[in-house]
């Protein structure tokens, strides 16, 4: 975990030509817009600036546009930086379905350690300068030098920025995966539904949809549901987990309140099942004590 204060600039204004001009930040993977997935990953930013057309988002952000619109990543990054003040700034594209908060923390932690920033590399070892955390002062310096040299930042490739910076590199192929084509979108949607990760993705999507930031012991809750289903009746599983959550909310909420309510419900399910097992054959079990 890092205590470094950081801002985030998310670039969401590209033309998406390889997607036939589709609204790429709004395309959904795992039930959530790509932009919202990125905003969820960088939720720890003090200020989040989105450079692109305004749209509904999962959390409040600052909106801006490069001038003229469509001027490319360096022009967009420069426009976003005008609204930031932290010494470390994330630069993120809006099409990163597998970026997560842990990767963001790793980038931010690596940025101040004697370098001018840190970026991810993809599966082929290539730099991904729009999945990066930069120290703000060197980035502003390089952008000013590029603007002076070329007369404009419009249309310049982002690699010109990274060539002038001393950067650390973190190999994170999955987190750096971006969606440039419909094949990429299809691959991301298929990966979301993989048996090994689908539950994590679903829980993350539900929490984002409901505005819930609580992290709880998922195994404990699943055990409660299993015990209720086996010891009482199958429909008891979802109803029991609902009541556990409701009880936790009445007790003030938080992970410990959920864990306490889950333990109590699990103990009840065990007593319920034990009574049934102890009843003489042919004798209905009495009400639980």
Protein backbone atom coordinates (compact mmCIF):
# COMPACT_ATOMS: atom_id res chain seq x y z
CA UNK A 1 0.00 0.00 0.00
CA UNK A 2 1.19 3.53 -0.78
CA UNK A 3 0.52 6.77 1.07
CA UNK A 4 1.61 8.87 -1.92
CA UNK A 5 -0.99 11.45 -2.92
CA UNK A 6 -1.74 11.22 -6.64
CA UNK A 7 -4.08 12.58 -9.28
CA UNK A 8 -5.31 10.74 -12.37
CA UNK A 9 -5.81 11.81 -15.97
CA UNK A 10 -7.92 9.41 -18.05
CA UNK A 11 -7.88 9.86 -21.82
CA UNK A 12 -11.33 9.10 -23.23
CA UNK A 13 -11.56 11.07 -26.44
CA UNK A 14 -10.07 8.90 -29.19
CA UNK A 15 -11.77 8.32 -32.54
CA UNK A 16 -11.80 4.48 -32.17
CA UNK A 17 -11.34 4.03 -35.93
CA UNK A 18 -10.52 0.32 -35.55
CA UNK A 19 -13.87 -0.07 -33.82
CA UNK A 20 -15.74 1.63 -36.63
CA UNK A 21 -16.08 4.85 -34.66
CA UNK A 22 -17.92 3.19 -31.75
CA UNK A 23 -17.99 4.96 -28.38
CA UNK A 24 -15.13 2.88 -27.00
CA UNK A 25 -15.13 4.21 -23.39
CA UNK A 26 -18.82 3.33 -23.20
CA UNK A 27 -18.47 -0.26 -24.45
CA UNK A 28 -19.28 -2.75 -21.71
CA UNK A 29 -17.08 -5.59 -20.47
CA UNK A 30 -18.43 -7.62 -17.58
CA UNK A 31 -21.52 -5.40 -17.42
CA UNK A 32 -19.52 -2.20 -16.86
CA UNK A 33 -18.39 0.50 -19.27
CA UNK A 34 -14.66 0.42 -19.98
CA UNK A 35 -14.32 3.96 -18.65
CA UNK A 36 -16.08 3.03 -15.41
CA UNK A 37 -13.76 0.05 -14.95
CA UNK A 38 -10.74 2.38 -15.22
CA UNK A 39 -12.34 4.93 -12.87
CA UNK A 40 -12.89 2.15 -10.35
CA UNK A 41 -9.23 1.16 -10.50
CA UNK A 42 -8.02 4.73 -9.83
CA UNK A 43 -10.64 5.58 -7.21
CA UNK A 44 -7.84 6.44 -4.76
CA UNK A 45 -6.83 9.50 -6.77
CA UNK A 46 -7.32 12.85 -5.05
CA UNK A 47 -8.50 14.40 -8.32
CA UNK A 48 -9.57 12.47 -11.41
CA UNK A 49 -9.70 14.30 -14.73
CA UNK A 50 -11.32 12.70 -17.78
CA UNK A 51 -10.32 14.20 -21.13
CA UNK A 52 -13.14 13.58 -23.57
CA UNK A 53 -16.85 14.11 -24.18
CA UNK A 54 -19.00 14.26 -21.04
CA UNK A 55 -20.95 11.13 -20.17
CA UNK A 56 -22.50 9.46 -17.15
CA UNK A 57 -19.82 7.86 -14.95
CA UNK A 58 -19.76 5.66 -11.88
CA UNK A 59 -18.23 8.44 -9.77
CA UNK A 60 -17.75 12.22 -10.05
CA UNK A 61 -14.81 13.43 -12.16
CA UNK A 62 -13.48 16.66 -13.61
CA UNK A 63 -14.13 16.97 -17.36
CA UNK A 64 -12.00 18.76 -19.92
CA UNK A 65 -11.09 18.60 -23.62
CA UNK A 66 -7.92 19.20 -25.56
CA UNK A 67 -8.13 21.95 -28.18
CA UNK A 68 -8.88 21.15 -30.87
CA UNK A 69 -10.70 17.95 -29.83
CA UNK A 70 -9.10 14.85 -31.27
CA UNK A 71 -5.61 16.29 -30.97
CA UNK A 72 -4.08 13.02 -29.78
CA UNK A 73 -2.74 11.66 -26.49
CA UNK A 74 -0.09 14.28 -25.75
CA UNK A 75 -2.48 17.17 -26.30
CA UNK A 76 -5.08 15.39 -24.17
CA UNK A 77 -2.60 14.66 -21.39
CA UNK A 78 -1.48 18.29 -21.37
CA UNK A 79 -5.10 19.44 -21.10
CA UNK A 80 -5.74 17.07 -18.21
CA UNK A 81 -2.61 18.06 -16.31
CA UNK A 82 -3.88 21.65 -16.08
CA UNK A 83 -6.49 20.42 -13.59
CA UNK A 84 -4.09 18.46 -11.35
CA UNK A 85 -1.82 19.52 -8.51
CA UNK A 86 -0.36 16.31 -7.03
CA UNK A 87 3.33 15.53 -7.46
CA UNK A 88 2.45 12.15 -8.99
CA UNK A 89 -0.09 11.82 -11.80
CA UNK A 90 -1.53 8.68 -13.34
CA UNK A 91 -1.94 8.71 -17.11
CA UNK A 92 -4.48 6.11 -18.21
CA UNK A 93 -6.31 5.28 -21.38
CA UNK A 94 -10.02 4.56 -20.97
CA UNK A 95 -9.92 1.07 -22.53
CA UNK A 96 -8.20 -1.04 -19.87
CA UNK A 97 -10.66 -3.74 -18.75
CA UNK A 98 -8.27 -5.50 -16.36
CA UNK A 99 -6.60 -2.57 -14.65
CA UNK A 100 -7.13 -2.87 -10.90
CA UNK A 101 -6.45 -0.87 -7.77
CA UNK A 102 -3.47 -3.05 -6.80
CA UNK A 103 -1.72 -2.26 -10.09
CA UNK A 104 -2.44 1.45 -9.66
CA UNK A 105 -0.90 1.33 -6.18
CA UNK A 106 2.19 -0.45 -7.56
CA UNK A 107 2.64 2.21 -10.25
CA UNK A 108 2.21 5.09 -7.82
CA UNK A 109 4.61 3.50 -5.32
CA UNK A 110 7.27 3.02 -8.02
CA UNK A 111 7.02 6.54 -9.45
CA UNK A 112 8.78 8.54 -6.70
CA UNK A 113 11.61 6.08 -6.06
CA UNK A 114 14.46 7.87 -7.79
CA UNK A 115 12.78 7.82 -11.22
CA UNK A 116 10.54 10.22 -13.13
CA UNK A 117 7.74 7.71 -13.37
CA UNK A 118 6.75 4.09 -13.84
CA UNK A 119 4.83 2.41 -16.64
CA UNK A 120 3.55 -1.05 -17.47
CA UNK A 121 4.88 -3.27 -20.23
CA UNK A 122 2.68 -5.64 -22.20
CA UNK A 123 3.06 -9.36 -22.99
CA UNK A 124 5.63 -8.55 -25.70
CA UNK A 125 7.67 -6.30 -23.42
CA UNK A 126 6.51 -3.10 -25.11
CA UNK A 127 6.09 0.09 -23.09
CA UNK A 128 2.53 1.19 -22.37
CA UNK A 129 2.89 4.91 -21.63
CA UNK A 130 -0.85 5.33 -21.02
CA UNK A 131 -0.82 2.88 -18.14
CA UNK A 132 1.66 4.84 -16.09
CA UNK A 133 2.33 7.04 -13.08
CA UNK A 134 4.54 10.05 -13.73
CA UNK A 135 6.07 12.69 -11.55
CA UNK A 136 4.18 15.77 -12.67
CA UNK A 137 7.08 18.23 -12.93
CA UNK A 138 9.19 16.20 -15.41
CA UNK A 139 6.11 15.48 -17.55
CA UNK A 140 5.17 19.15 -17.71
CA UNK A 141 8.79 19.95 -18.61
CA UNK A 142 8.89 17.43 -21.47
CA UNK A 143 5.51 18.50 -22.83
CA UNK A 144 6.66 22.13 -22.88
CA UNK A 145 9.87 21.17 -24.70
CA UNK A 146 7.93 19.14 -27.27
CA UNK A 147 5.45 21.96 -27.84
CA UNK A 148 8.33 24.42 -28.34
CA UNK A 149 10.14 22.08 -30.72
CA UNK A 150 7.16 21.11 -32.86
CA UNK A 151 5.00 24.19 -32.45
CA UNK A 152 2.10 22.03 -31.18
CA UNK A 153 1.32 18.84 -29.31
CA UNK A 154 -1.51 17.95 -31.69
CA UNK A 155 -0.89 14.68 -33.48
CA UNK A 156 2.41 13.90 -31.80
CA UNK A 157 2.99 10.25 -30.75
CA UNK A 158 3.12 9.58 -27.03
CA UNK A 159 6.49 7.82 -27.33
CA UNK A 160 8.11 11.25 -27.74
CA UNK A 161 7.22 11.95 -24.13
CA UNK A 162 8.65 8.75 -22.67
CA UNK A 163 11.90 9.08 -24.63
CA UNK A 164 12.81 12.07 -22.48
CA UNK A 165 11.98 10.52 -19.10
CA UNK A 166 13.80 8.19 -16.71
CA UNK A 167 11.15 5.51 -16.12
CA UNK A 168 10.74 2.28 -14.20
CA UNK A 169 9.00 -0.59 -15.98
CA UNK A 170 6.57 -3.05 -14.42
CA UNK A 171 5.67 -6.16 -16.46
CA UNK A 172 1.90 -6.56 -16.04
CA UNK A 173 0.54 -8.04 -19.31
CA UNK A 174 -3.05 -8.47 -18.11
CA UNK A 175 -3.42 -5.05 -16.53
CA UNK A 176 -1.93 -3.38 -19.63
CA UNK A 177 -4.29 -5.17 -22.03
CA UNK A 178 -6.25 -2.57 -23.98
CA UNK A 179 -9.20 -2.84 -26.36
CA UNK A 180 -8.40 -1.43 -29.80
CA UNK A 181 -10.50 -3.82 -31.92
CA UNK A 182 -13.73 -5.81 -31.68
CA UNK A 183 -11.58 -8.94 -31.30
CA UNK A 184 -10.02 -7.33 -28.22
CA UNK A 185 -13.48 -6.56 -26.83
CA UNK A 186 -14.56 -10.15 -27.46
CA UNK A 187 -11.43 -11.55 -25.82
CA UNK A 188 -11.93 -9.34 -22.75
CA UNK A 189 -15.57 -10.37 -22.40
CA UNK A 190 -14.64 -14.04 -22.68
CA UNK A 191 -11.89 -13.69 -20.08
CA UNK A 192 -14.28 -11.98 -17.66
CA UNK A 193 -16.47 -15.07 -17.77
CA UNK A 194 -13.63 -17.52 -17.14
CA UNK A 195 -14.49 -19.87 -14.29
CA UNK A 196 -11.41 -18.86 -12.32
CA UNK A 197 -12.30 -15.16 -12.13
CA UNK A 198 -16.01 -14.81 -12.87
CA UNK A 199 -17.05 -14.58 -9.20
CA UNK A 200 -14.53 -11.83 -8.43
CA UNK A 201 -15.64 -9.93 -11.53
CA UNK A 202 -19.32 -10.33 -10.66
CA UNK A 203 -18.86 -9.12 -7.08
CA UNK A 204 -16.85 -6.13 -8.32
CA UNK A 205 -19.58 -5.30 -10.85
CA UNK A 206 -22.36 -5.57 -8.24
CA UNK A 207 -20.47 -3.36 -5.77
CA UNK A 208 -19.88 -0.75 -8.46
CA UNK A 209 -23.51 -0.84 -9.58
CA UNK A 210 -24.84 -0.49 -6.01
CA UNK A 211 -22.20 1.97 -4.83
CA UNK A 212 -20.90 -0.45 -2.19
CA UNK A 213 -17.20 -0.25 -1.28
CA UNK A 214 -17.25 -2.82 1.50
CA UNK A 215 -14.74 -5.70 1.33
CA UNK A 216 -15.90 -8.79 3.23
CA UNK A 217 -14.85 -12.39 3.72
CA UNK A 218 -16.45 -13.95 0.65
CA UNK A 219 -15.62 -17.51 1.76
CA UNK A 220 -17.45 -16.96 5.05
CA UNK A 221 -20.58 -15.76 3.26
CA UNK A 222 -20.48 -18.65 0.79
CA UNK A 223 -20.12 -21.09 3.68
CA UNK A 224 -23.20 -19.59 5.33
CA UNK A 225 -25.17 -19.98 2.09
CA UNK A 226 -23.98 -23.59 1.72
CA UNK A 227 -24.92 -24.48 5.31
CA UNK A 228 -28.36 -22.92 4.94
CA UNK A 229 -28.99 -24.69 1.64
CA UNK A 230 -27.92 -28.10 2.95
CA UNK A 231 -29.23 -27.87 6.49
CA UNK A 232 -32.54 -26.10 5.87
CA UNK A 233 -33.63 -25.85 2.22
CA UNK A 234 -32.05 -24.64 -1.01
CA UNK A 235 -33.99 -21.34 -1.16
CA UNK A 236 -32.69 -20.55 2.34
CA UNK A 237 -29.24 -19.73 0.90
CA UNK A 238 -29.96 -16.38 -0.84
CA UNK A 239 -32.47 -15.34 1.82
CA UNK A 240 -29.96 -16.04 4.61
CA UNK A 241 -27.17 -14.05 2.97
CA UNK A 242 -29.60 -11.17 2.42
CA UNK A 243 -30.54 -11.21 6.11
CA UNK A 244 -26.86 -11.34 7.11
CA UNK A 245 -26.23 -8.18 5.11
CA UNK A 246 -29.31 -6.48 6.50
CA UNK A 247 -28.35 -7.36 10.08
CA UNK A 248 -24.82 -6.04 9.50
CA UNK A 249 -26.24 -2.75 8.20
CA UNK A 250 -28.47 -2.38 11.26
CA UNK A 251 -25.40 -2.92 13.46
CA UNK A 252 -23.50 -0.11 11.82
CA UNK A 253 -22.04 -1.89 8.81
CA UNK A 254 -18.42 -2.73 8.09
CA UNK A 255 -16.57 -6.03 7.54
CA UNK A 256 -16.64 -7.03 11.23
CA UNK A 257 -20.42 -6.56 11.44
CA UNK A 258 -20.85 -8.77 8.36
CA UNK A 259 -18.50 -11.41 9.77
CA UNK A 260 -20.30 -11.44 13.13
CA UNK A 261 -23.74 -11.81 11.52
CA UNK A 262 -22.42 -14.53 9.22
CA UNK A 263 -20.97 -16.48 12.14
CA UNK A 264 -24.24 -16.26 14.03
CA UNK A 265 -26.24 -17.44 11.01
CA UNK A 266 -23.79 -20.29 10.41
CA UNK A 267 -24.12 -21.43 14.02
CA UNK A 268 -27.90 -21.37 13.70
CA UNK A 269 -27.75 -23.43 10.51
CA UNK A 270 -25.57 -26.01 12.27
CA UNK A 271 -28.00 -26.25 15.21
CA UNK A 272 -30.92 -26.53 12.82
CA UNK A 273 -29.27 -29.40 10.91
CA UNK A 274 -28.19 -31.13 14.13
CA UNK A 275 -31.77 -31.14 15.44
CA UNK A 276 -32.98 -32.82 12.30
CA UNK A 277 -30.24 -35.44 12.53
CA UNK A 278 -31.02 -36.13 16.19
CA UNK A 279 -34.79 -36.57 15.70
CA UNK A 280 -36.10 -40.17 15.94
CA UNK A 281 -37.10 -41.68 12.62
CA UNK A 282 -40.61 -40.67 11.69
CA UNK A 283 -40.74 -37.90 14.31
CA UNK A 284 -40.83 -34.34 12.99
CA UNK A 285 -38.25 -32.03 14.52
CA UNK A 286 -39.65 -29.38 16.82
CA UNK A 287 -39.06 -25.68 16.40
CA UNK A 288 -35.47 -24.51 16.95
CA UNK A 289 -34.63 -23.37 20.47
